[in-house]
Protein backbone atom coordinates (compact mmCIF):
# COMPACT_ATOMS: atom_id res chain seq x y z
CA UNK A 1 0.00 0.00 0.00
CA UNK A 2 1.47 3.35 -1.03
CA UNK A 3 1.71 6.28 1.32
CA UNK A 4 -0.64 9.20 0.71
CA UNK A 5 0.92 12.26 -0.86
CA UNK A 6 1.29 15.26 1.41
CA UNK A 7 -0.48 18.40 0.26
CA UNK A 8 -0.91 21.80 1.85
CA UNK A 9 -4.11 23.66 1.04
CA UNK A 10 -4.04 27.39 1.73
CA UNK A 11 -7.43 29.11 1.68
CA UNK A 12 -9.19 32.41 2.23
CA UNK A 13 -12.58 33.93 1.61
CA UNK A 14 -13.30 37.59 0.97
CA UNK A 15 -16.42 39.73 0.87
CA UNK A 16 -17.33 43.31 0.13
CA UNK A 17 -20.26 43.59 2.49
CA UNK A 18 -21.36 40.56 4.47
CA UNK A 19 -23.46 39.45 2.72
CA UNK A 20 -22.35 41.04 -0.51
CA UNK A 21 -20.04 40.40 -3.41
CA UNK A 22 -17.54 37.74 -2.46
CA UNK A 23 -14.76 35.54 -3.68
CA UNK A 24 -12.43 32.83 -2.54
CA UNK A 25 -8.83 31.94 -3.13
CA UNK A 26 -7.23 28.55 -2.66
CA UNK A 27 -3.73 27.28 -3.38
CA UNK A 28 -2.73 23.62 -3.40
CA UNK A 29 0.98 23.05 -2.78
CA UNK A 30 2.63 19.70 -3.35
CA UNK A 31 6.31 18.76 -3.28
CA UNK A 32 7.06 15.72 -5.44
CA UNK A 33 9.58 12.96 -4.70
CA UNK A 34 12.27 14.92 -6.57
CA UNK A 35 11.78 17.94 -4.35
CA UNK A 36 9.99 19.98 -7.02
CA UNK A 37 7.25 22.26 -5.69
CA UNK A 38 3.95 22.33 -7.58
CA UNK A 39 1.28 24.95 -6.95
CA UNK A 40 -2.21 25.32 -8.33
CA UNK A 41 -4.42 28.34 -7.66
CA UNK A 42 -8.21 28.49 -7.64
CA UNK A 43 -10.59 31.42 -7.33
CA UNK A 44 -14.08 32.56 -8.27
CA UNK A 45 -16.34 35.48 -7.46
CA UNK A 46 -20.04 35.56 -6.55
CA UNK A 47 -22.73 38.23 -6.59
CA UNK A 48 -24.25 37.76 -3.13
CA UNK A 49 -22.62 35.58 -0.48
CA UNK A 50 -21.26 35.70 3.05
CA UNK A 51 -17.63 35.63 4.09
CA UNK A 52 -18.16 32.27 5.84
CA UNK A 53 -19.55 30.79 2.63
CA UNK A 54 -16.44 31.90 0.77
CA UNK A 55 -14.15 30.54 3.51
CA UNK A 56 -15.88 27.16 3.20
CA UNK A 57 -15.95 27.14 -0.58
CA UNK A 58 -12.21 27.76 -0.76
CA UNK A 59 -11.59 24.59 1.26
CA UNK A 60 -14.17 22.61 -0.71
CA UNK A 61 -12.67 23.55 -4.08
CA UNK A 62 -9.21 22.57 -2.87
CA UNK A 63 -10.35 19.14 -1.75
CA UNK A 64 -12.45 18.60 -4.87
CA UNK A 65 -9.38 19.29 -7.02
CA UNK A 66 -7.39 16.42 -5.49
CA UNK A 67 -7.11 13.51 -7.88
CA UNK A 68 -6.03 10.84 -5.39
CA UNK A 69 -6.12 10.31 -1.62
CA UNK A 70 -3.86 12.75 0.20
CA UNK A 71 -2.66 13.78 3.62
CA UNK A 72 -3.90 17.38 3.59
CA UNK A 73 -2.94 20.24 5.87
CA UNK A 74 -5.48 23.04 5.49
CA UNK A 75 -4.07 26.44 6.42
CA UNK A 76 -6.80 29.05 6.89
CA UNK A 77 -7.42 32.31 8.71
CA UNK A 78 -11.02 31.23 9.31
CA UNK A 79 -11.71 30.27 12.92
CA UNK A 80 -15.15 29.22 11.65
CA UNK A 81 -13.62 26.51 9.44
CA UNK A 82 -10.67 25.49 11.61
CA UNK A 83 -12.61 25.36 14.89
CA UNK A 84 -15.38 23.30 13.29
CA UNK A 85 -12.85 20.49 12.98
CA UNK A 86 -10.29 21.22 15.70
CA UNK A 87 -12.96 21.80 18.36
CA UNK A 88 -15.05 18.89 16.98
CA UNK A 89 -18.10 21.09 16.37
CA UNK A 90 -18.70 19.20 13.13
CA UNK A 91 -19.20 15.93 15.03
CA UNK A 92 -21.92 17.52 17.15
CA UNK A 93 -23.58 19.09 14.12
CA UNK A 94 -23.77 15.74 12.36
CA UNK A 95 -24.97 13.98 15.51
CA UNK A 96 -27.74 16.57 15.97
CA UNK A 97 -28.69 16.29 12.28
CA UNK A 98 -27.38 19.80 11.50
CA UNK A 99 -29.93 21.48 13.78
CA UNK A 100 -29.44 25.28 13.85
CA UNK A 101 -26.33 25.12 11.63
CA UNK A 102 -25.81 27.69 8.88
CA UNK A 103 -24.41 26.71 5.47
CA UNK A 104 -25.43 23.07 5.88
CA UNK A 105 -25.10 22.31 2.16
CA UNK A 106 -21.53 23.62 2.12
CA UNK A 107 -20.53 21.71 5.26
CA UNK A 108 -21.99 18.52 3.79
CA UNK A 109 -20.24 19.15 0.47
CA UNK A 110 -16.96 19.66 2.35
CA UNK A 111 -17.35 16.41 4.30
CA UNK A 112 -18.02 14.57 1.04
CA UNK A 113 -14.98 16.18 -0.64
CA UNK A 114 -12.79 15.18 2.33
CA UNK A 115 -13.69 11.49 2.07
CA UNK A 116 -10.63 9.36 1.39
CA UNK A 117 -8.26 12.07 2.59
CA UNK A 118 -6.62 12.64 5.95
CA UNK A 119 -6.97 16.26 7.00
CA UNK A 120 -5.76 18.56 9.68
CA UNK A 121 -6.62 22.23 10.04
CA UNK A 122 -4.18 24.96 11.04
CA UNK A 123 -5.32 28.49 11.80
CA UNK A 124 -3.16 31.47 10.84
CA UNK A 125 -3.82 35.09 11.65
CA UNK A 126 -5.21 36.87 8.61
CA UNK A 127 -3.59 39.96 7.12
CA UNK A 128 -0.45 39.28 9.14
CA UNK A 129 2.03 38.77 6.32
CA UNK A 130 1.74 35.01 5.77
CA UNK A 131 2.66 34.81 2.05
CA UNK A 132 0.15 32.14 1.03
CA UNK A 133 -2.65 33.62 3.14
CA UNK A 134 -2.00 37.03 1.59
CA UNK A 135 -2.03 35.48 -1.90
CA UNK A 136 -5.31 33.67 -1.19
CA UNK A 137 -6.82 36.92 0.05
CA UNK A 138 -5.65 38.67 -3.12
CA UNK A 139 -7.19 35.90 -5.26
CA UNK A 140 -10.52 36.21 -3.43
CA UNK A 141 -10.65 40.00 -3.62
CA UNK A 142 -9.65 40.03 -7.29
CA UNK A 143 -12.34 37.41 -7.99
CA UNK A 144 -15.19 39.49 -6.56
CA UNK A 145 -13.98 42.61 -8.36
CA UNK A 146 -14.53 40.94 -11.76
CA UNK A 147 -17.53 41.74 -13.94
CA UNK A 148 -18.56 38.12 -14.56
CA UNK A 149 -19.62 37.16 -11.01
CA UNK A 150 -21.44 33.87 -10.52
CA UNK A 151 -25.04 33.92 -9.29
CA UNK A 152 -24.90 31.07 -6.82
CA UNK A 153 -22.57 28.61 -5.19
C-alpha atoms as a PDB file:
ATOM      1  CA  UNK A   1       0.000   0.000   0.000  1.00  0.00           C
ATOM      2  CA  UNK A   2       1.469   3.351  -1.027  1.00  0.00           C
ATOM      3  CA  UNK A   3       1.713   6.281   1.321  1.00  0.00           C
ATOM      4  CA  UNK A   4      -0.636   9.203   0.711  1.00  0.00           C
ATOM      5  CA  UNK A   5       0.916  12.263  -0.864  1.00  0.00           C
ATOM      6  CA  UNK A   6       1.291  15.261   1.412  1.00  0.00           C
ATOM      7  CA  UNK A   7      -0.479  18.402   0.256  1.00  0.00           C
ATOM      8  CA  UNK A   8      -0.909  21.803   1.846  1.00  0.00           C
ATOM      9  CA  UNK A   9      -4.111  23.665   1.035  1.00  0.00           C
ATOM     10  CA  UNK A  10      -4.036  27.390   1.732  1.00  0.00           C
ATOM     11  CA  UNK A  11      -7.432  29.111   1.679  1.00  0.00           C
ATOM     12  CA  UNK A  12      -9.190  32.409   2.231  1.00  0.00           C
ATOM     13  CA  UNK A  13     -12.582  33.926   1.613  1.00  0.00           C
ATOM     14  CA  UNK A  14     -13.297  37.593   0.969  1.00  0.00           C
ATOM     15  CA  UNK A  15     -16.420  39.732   0.868  1.00  0.00           C
ATOM     16  CA  UNK A  16     -17.327  43.312   0.130  1.00  0.00           C
ATOM     17  CA  UNK A  17     -20.258  43.595   2.495  1.00  0.00           C
ATOM     18  CA  UNK A  18     -21.359  40.563   4.473  1.00  0.00           C
ATOM     19  CA  UNK A  19     -23.456  39.449   2.718  1.00  0.00           C
ATOM     20  CA  UNK A  20     -22.346  41.043  -0.507  1.00  0.00           C
ATOM     21  CA  UNK A  21     -20.037  40.402  -3.415  1.00  0.00           C
ATOM     22  CA  UNK A  22     -17.543  37.744  -2.462  1.00  0.00           C
ATOM     23  CA  UNK A  23     -14.763  35.540  -3.677  1.00  0.00           C
ATOM     24  CA  UNK A  24     -12.428  32.825  -2.536  1.00  0.00           C
ATOM     25  CA  UNK A  25      -8.834  31.939  -3.128  1.00  0.00           C
ATOM     26  CA  UNK A  26      -7.227  28.547  -2.657  1.00  0.00           C
ATOM     27  CA  UNK A  27      -3.731  27.284  -3.383  1.00  0.00           C
ATOM     28  CA  UNK A  28      -2.733  23.624  -3.404  1.00  0.00           C
ATOM     29  CA  UNK A  29       0.978  23.052  -2.779  1.00  0.00           C
ATOM     30  CA  UNK A  30       2.632  19.699  -3.355  1.00  0.00           C
ATOM     31  CA  UNK A  31       6.306  18.761  -3.284  1.00  0.00           C
ATOM     32  CA  UNK A  32       7.061  15.718  -5.442  1.00  0.00           C
ATOM     33  CA  UNK A  33       9.577  12.961  -4.696  1.00  0.00           C
ATOM     34  CA  UNK A  34      12.272  14.917  -6.573  1.00  0.00           C
ATOM     35  CA  UNK A  35      11.778  17.940  -4.346  1.00  0.00           C
ATOM     36  CA  UNK A  36       9.992  19.975  -7.016  1.00  0.00           C
ATOM     37  CA  UNK A  37       7.250  22.256  -5.689  1.00  0.00           C
ATOM     38  CA  UNK A  38       3.948  22.327  -7.583  1.00  0.00           C
ATOM     39  CA  UNK A  39       1.278  24.952  -6.948  1.00  0.00           C
ATOM     40  CA  UNK A  40      -2.206  25.319  -8.334  1.00  0.00           C
ATOM     41  CA  UNK A  41      -4.417  28.339  -7.662  1.00  0.00           C
ATOM     42  CA  UNK A  42      -8.209  28.486  -7.644  1.00  0.00           C
ATOM     43  CA  UNK A  43     -10.593  31.417  -7.327  1.00  0.00           C
ATOM     44  CA  UNK A  44     -14.077  32.562  -8.267  1.00  0.00           C
ATOM     45  CA  UNK A  45     -16.342  35.482  -7.458  1.00  0.00           C
ATOM     46  CA  UNK A  46     -20.041  35.556  -6.548  1.00  0.00           C
ATOM     47  CA  UNK A  47     -22.729  38.230  -6.585  1.00  0.00           C
ATOM     48  CA  UNK A  48     -24.251  37.761  -3.130  1.00  0.00           C
ATOM     49  CA  UNK A  49     -22.625  35.576  -0.484  1.00  0.00           C
ATOM     50  CA  UNK A  50     -21.260  35.696   3.051  1.00  0.00           C
ATOM     51  CA  UNK A  51     -17.634  35.632   4.088  1.00  0.00           C
ATOM     52  CA  UNK A  52     -18.159  32.270   5.837  1.00  0.00           C
ATOM     53  CA  UNK A  53     -19.554  30.791   2.632  1.00  0.00           C
ATOM     54  CA  UNK A  54     -16.440  31.897   0.766  1.00  0.00           C
ATOM     55  CA  UNK A  55     -14.154  30.544   3.506  1.00  0.00           C
ATOM     56  CA  UNK A  56     -15.879  27.159   3.202  1.00  0.00           C
ATOM     57  CA  UNK A  57     -15.955  27.140  -0.578  1.00  0.00           C
ATOM     58  CA  UNK A  58     -12.212  27.757  -0.759  1.00  0.00           C
ATOM     59  CA  UNK A  59     -11.585  24.590   1.264  1.00  0.00           C
ATOM     60  CA  UNK A  60     -14.169  22.613  -0.711  1.00  0.00           C
ATOM     61  CA  UNK A  61     -12.672  23.554  -4.082  1.00  0.00           C
ATOM     62  CA  UNK A  62      -9.215  22.572  -2.872  1.00  0.00           C
ATOM     63  CA  UNK A  63     -10.348  19.139  -1.745  1.00  0.00           C
ATOM     64  CA  UNK A  64     -12.448  18.596  -4.868  1.00  0.00           C
ATOM     65  CA  UNK A  65      -9.377  19.290  -7.022  1.00  0.00           C
ATOM     66  CA  UNK A  66      -7.394  16.421  -5.486  1.00  0.00           C
ATOM     67  CA  UNK A  67      -7.109  13.514  -7.883  1.00  0.00           C
ATOM     68  CA  UNK A  68      -6.026  10.836  -5.392  1.00  0.00           C
ATOM     69  CA  UNK A  69      -6.122  10.315  -1.623  1.00  0.00           C
ATOM     70  CA  UNK A  70      -3.861  12.746   0.199  1.00  0.00           C
ATOM     71  CA  UNK A  71      -2.661  13.783   3.618  1.00  0.00           C
ATOM     72  CA  UNK A  72      -3.900  17.383   3.586  1.00  0.00           C
ATOM     73  CA  UNK A  73      -2.942  20.242   5.870  1.00  0.00           C
ATOM     74  CA  UNK A  74      -5.484  23.044   5.490  1.00  0.00           C
ATOM     75  CA  UNK A  75      -4.071  26.445   6.424  1.00  0.00           C
ATOM     76  CA  UNK A  76      -6.800  29.050   6.886  1.00  0.00           C
ATOM     77  CA  UNK A  77      -7.417  32.308   8.706  1.00  0.00           C
ATOM     78  CA  UNK A  78     -11.016  31.231   9.308  1.00  0.00           C
ATOM     79  CA  UNK A  79     -11.706  30.274  12.919  1.00  0.00           C
ATOM     80  CA  UNK A  80     -15.149  29.218  11.652  1.00  0.00           C
ATOM     81  CA  UNK A  81     -13.620  26.512   9.438  1.00  0.00           C
ATOM     82  CA  UNK A  82     -10.673  25.493  11.607  1.00  0.00           C
ATOM     83  CA  UNK A  83     -12.607  25.361  14.888  1.00  0.00           C
ATOM     84  CA  UNK A  84     -15.378  23.303  13.294  1.00  0.00           C
ATOM     85  CA  UNK A  85     -12.845  20.486  12.978  1.00  0.00           C
ATOM     86  CA  UNK A  86     -10.294  21.221  15.695  1.00  0.00           C
ATOM     87  CA  UNK A  87     -12.958  21.802  18.360  1.00  0.00           C
ATOM     88  CA  UNK A  88     -15.048  18.885  16.982  1.00  0.00           C
ATOM     89  CA  UNK A  89     -18.100  21.087  16.373  1.00  0.00           C
ATOM     90  CA  UNK A  90     -18.699  19.198  13.128  1.00  0.00           C
ATOM     91  CA  UNK A  91     -19.197  15.928  15.028  1.00  0.00           C
ATOM     92  CA  UNK A  92     -21.918  17.517  17.150  1.00  0.00           C
ATOM     93  CA  UNK A  93     -23.584  19.087  14.123  1.00  0.00           C
ATOM     94  CA  UNK A  94     -23.770  15.735  12.358  1.00  0.00           C
ATOM     95  CA  UNK A  95     -24.968  13.975  15.514  1.00  0.00           C
ATOM     96  CA  UNK A  96     -27.738  16.569  15.968  1.00  0.00           C
ATOM     97  CA  UNK A  97     -28.695  16.294  12.278  1.00  0.00           C
ATOM     98  CA  UNK A  98     -27.385  19.804  11.497  1.00  0.00           C
ATOM     99  CA  UNK A  99     -29.926  21.483  13.785  1.00  0.00           C
ATOM    100  CA  UNK A 100     -29.439  25.275  13.851  1.00  0.00           C
ATOM    101  CA  UNK A 101     -26.326  25.122  11.629  1.00  0.00           C
ATOM    102  CA  UNK A 102     -25.810  27.693   8.878  1.00  0.00           C
ATOM    103  CA  UNK A 103     -24.407  26.711   5.470  1.00  0.00           C
ATOM    104  CA  UNK A 104     -25.432  23.065   5.876  1.00  0.00           C
ATOM    105  CA  UNK A 105     -25.099  22.314   2.160  1.00  0.00           C
ATOM    106  CA  UNK A 106     -21.530  23.623   2.118  1.00  0.00           C
ATOM    107  CA  UNK A 107     -20.526  21.710   5.263  1.00  0.00           C
ATOM    108  CA  UNK A 108     -21.986  18.519   3.786  1.00  0.00           C
ATOM    109  CA  UNK A 109     -20.241  19.151   0.472  1.00  0.00           C
ATOM    110  CA  UNK A 110     -16.962  19.659   2.354  1.00  0.00           C
ATOM    111  CA  UNK A 111     -17.349  16.414   4.299  1.00  0.00           C
ATOM    112  CA  UNK A 112     -18.023  14.573   1.037  1.00  0.00           C
ATOM    113  CA  UNK A 113     -14.980  16.175  -0.639  1.00  0.00           C
ATOM    114  CA  UNK A 114     -12.785  15.180   2.327  1.00  0.00           C
ATOM    115  CA  UNK A 115     -13.693  11.488   2.066  1.00  0.00           C
ATOM    116  CA  UNK A 116     -10.630   9.356   1.387  1.00  0.00           C
ATOM    117  CA  UNK A 117      -8.262  12.071   2.589  1.00  0.00           C
ATOM    118  CA  UNK A 118      -6.624  12.642   5.952  1.00  0.00           C
ATOM    119  CA  UNK A 119      -6.967  16.262   6.996  1.00  0.00           C
ATOM    120  CA  UNK A 120      -5.762  18.562   9.685  1.00  0.00           C
ATOM    121  CA  UNK A 121      -6.619  22.226  10.040  1.00  0.00           C
ATOM    122  CA  UNK A 122      -4.184  24.956  11.042  1.00  0.00           C
ATOM    123  CA  UNK A 123      -5.322  28.485  11.799  1.00  0.00           C
ATOM    124  CA  UNK A 124      -3.160  31.466  10.838  1.00  0.00           C
ATOM    125  CA  UNK A 125      -3.819  35.094  11.654  1.00  0.00           C
ATOM    126  CA  UNK A 126      -5.213  36.873   8.611  1.00  0.00           C
ATOM    127  CA  UNK A 127      -3.588  39.965   7.119  1.00  0.00           C
ATOM    128  CA  UNK A 128      -0.451  39.283   9.144  1.00  0.00           C
ATOM    129  CA  UNK A 129       2.032  38.774   6.320  1.00  0.00           C
ATOM    130  CA  UNK A 130       1.736  35.007   5.769  1.00  0.00           C
ATOM    131  CA  UNK A 131       2.660  34.811   2.049  1.00  0.00           C
ATOM    132  CA  UNK A 132       0.153  32.144   1.028  1.00  0.00           C
ATOM    133  CA  UNK A 133      -2.647  33.621   3.144  1.00  0.00           C
ATOM    134  CA  UNK A 134      -1.998  37.032   1.586  1.00  0.00           C
ATOM    135  CA  UNK A 135      -2.029  35.485  -1.898  1.00  0.00           C
ATOM    136  CA  UNK A 136      -5.312  33.668  -1.195  1.00  0.00           C
ATOM    137  CA  UNK A 137      -6.823  36.924   0.048  1.00  0.00           C
ATOM    138  CA  UNK A 138      -5.655  38.665  -3.117  1.00  0.00           C
ATOM    139  CA  UNK A 139      -7.185  35.899  -5.255  1.00  0.00           C
ATOM    140  CA  UNK A 140     -10.515  36.214  -3.429  1.00  0.00           C
ATOM    141  CA  UNK A 141     -10.650  40.004  -3.617  1.00  0.00           C
ATOM    142  CA  UNK A 142      -9.649  40.029  -7.286  1.00  0.00           C
ATOM    143  CA  UNK A 143     -12.340  37.413  -7.993  1.00  0.00           C
ATOM    144  CA  UNK A 144     -15.190  39.486  -6.557  1.00  0.00           C
ATOM    145  CA  UNK A 145     -13.982  42.612  -8.360  1.00  0.00           C
ATOM    146  CA  UNK A 146     -14.528  40.936 -11.756  1.00  0.00           C
ATOM    147  CA  UNK A 147     -17.532  41.736 -13.940  1.00  0.00           C
ATOM    148  CA  UNK A 148     -18.562  38.121 -14.559  1.00  0.00           C
ATOM    149  CA  UNK A 149     -19.622  37.160 -11.013  1.00  0.00           C
ATOM    150  CA  UNK A 150     -21.441  33.871 -10.518  1.00  0.00           C
ATOM    151  CA  UNK A 151     -25.039  33.917  -9.293  1.00  0.00           C
ATOM    152  CA  UNK A 152     -24.901  31.066  -6.815  1.00  0.00           C
ATOM    153  CA  UNK A 153     -22.568  28.614  -5.193  1.00  0.00           C
END
